[in-house]
Amino acid sequence: MSKLDVLTLICSLLQILGFILIIAQPGGPTAVLVGIAGFAAVVMYFMPNPEGTLAPTIRFLRPLAALCGVGLILFAFSMA
């Protein structure tokens, strides 16, 4: 398990959690950060597939995080 695999897993989980939180309480001065986080999730989708013990989990979470990233970008546009 490499450090990149662990970082990818953490980022995927945080993207999904961020999407859930922004739906629960929209608004506020965080539109730019929300947009950047969404863009990071979409870019992370196009990274090479990892190998190792976390690979199946990351392959499952990466598309979900990318979809949440697109939602975060749309919310960022609506809040700006």
Protein backbone atom coordinates (compact mmCIF):
# COMPACT_ATOMS: atom_id res chain seq x y z
CA MET A 1 0.00 0.00 0.00
CA SER A 2 1.61 3.22 -1.15
CA LYS A 3 1.16 6.69 0.25
CA LEU A 4 -0.56 7.72 -2.98
CA ASP A 5 -3.15 4.97 -2.51
CA VAL A 6 -3.90 6.15 1.02
CA LEU A 7 -4.09 9.78 -0.13
CA THR A 8 -6.43 8.86 -2.98
CA LEU A 9 -8.69 6.96 -0.60
CA ILE A 10 -8.81 9.85 1.86
CA CYS A 11 -9.52 12.38 -0.90
CA SER A 12 -12.32 10.24 -2.33
CA LEU A 13 -14.00 9.91 1.05
CA LEU A 14 -13.63 13.63 1.74
CA GLN A 15 -15.16 14.53 -1.63
CA ILE A 16 -18.20 12.39 -0.92
CA LEU A 17 -18.51 13.77 2.62
CA GLY A 18 -18.14 17.33 1.33
CA PHE A 19 -20.94 16.79 -1.14
CA ILE A 20 -23.22 15.48 1.59
CA LEU A 21 -22.39 18.41 3.86
CA ILE A 22 -22.91 21.05 1.18
CA ILE A 23 -26.35 19.60 0.42
CA ALA A 24 -27.23 19.63 4.11
CA GLN A 25 -26.28 23.28 4.60
CA PRO A 26 -25.84 25.23 1.34
CA GLY A 27 -24.68 28.80 1.22
CA GLY A 28 -21.91 30.71 2.89
CA PRO A 29 -18.65 32.21 1.65
CA THR A 30 -17.08 28.90 0.65
CA ALA A 31 -18.10 28.76 -3.02
CA VAL A 32 -14.54 28.98 -4.32
CA LEU A 33 -13.26 26.20 -2.05
CA VAL A 34 -16.22 24.02 -2.95
CA GLY A 35 -15.50 24.52 -6.66
CA ILE A 36 -11.81 23.69 -6.21
CA ALA A 37 -12.66 20.55 -4.24
CA GLY A 38 -15.07 19.47 -6.96
CA PHE A 39 -12.49 20.07 -9.67
CA ALA A 40 -9.94 18.02 -7.72
CA ALA A 41 -12.37 15.09 -7.55
CA VAL A 42 -13.01 15.20 -11.28
CA VAL A 43 -9.27 15.38 -12.05
CA MET A 44 -8.57 12.52 -9.64
CA TYR A 45 -10.93 10.33 -11.70
CA PHE A 46 -8.51 10.48 -14.64
CA MET A 47 -5.45 9.44 -12.64
CA PRO A 48 -4.02 5.96 -13.33
CA ASN A 49 -5.63 3.10 -11.46
CA PRO A 50 -3.76 2.19 -8.28
CA GLU A 51 -2.33 -1.18 -7.45
CA GLY A 52 -2.15 -2.69 -4.01
CA THR A 53 -4.38 -3.58 -1.13
CA LEU A 54 -6.61 -0.49 -1.40
CA ALA A 55 -7.02 -0.71 -5.18
CA PRO A 56 -10.54 -2.28 -5.20
CA THR A 57 -11.83 0.27 -2.72
CA ILE A 58 -10.29 3.19 -4.59
CA ARG A 59 -11.63 1.93 -7.93
CA PHE A 60 -15.10 1.84 -6.36
CA LEU A 61 -14.90 5.25 -4.66
CA ARG A 62 -13.19 7.20 -7.44
CA PRO A 63 -16.24 7.41 -9.78
CA LEU A 64 -18.50 8.30 -6.84
CA ALA A 65 -16.10 11.04 -5.78
CA ALA A 66 -16.00 12.37 -9.35
CA LEU A 67 -19.79 12.53 -9.50
CA CYS A 68 -19.81 14.31 -6.16
CA GLY A 69 -17.15 16.64 -7.56
CA VAL A 70 -19.40 17.58 -10.46
CA GLY A 71 -22.18 18.25 -7.97
CA LEU A 72 -19.83 20.40 -5.89
CA ILE A 73 -18.92 22.44 -8.97
CA LEU A 74 -22.61 22.99 -9.76
CA PHE A 75 -23.28 24.06 -6.17
CA ALA A 76 -20.31 26.42 -6.33
CA PHE A 77 -21.77 28.07 -9.42
CA SER A 78 -25.16 28.41 -7.77
CA MET A 79 -23.66 29.95 -4.61
CA ALA A 80 -21.43 32.45 -6.43
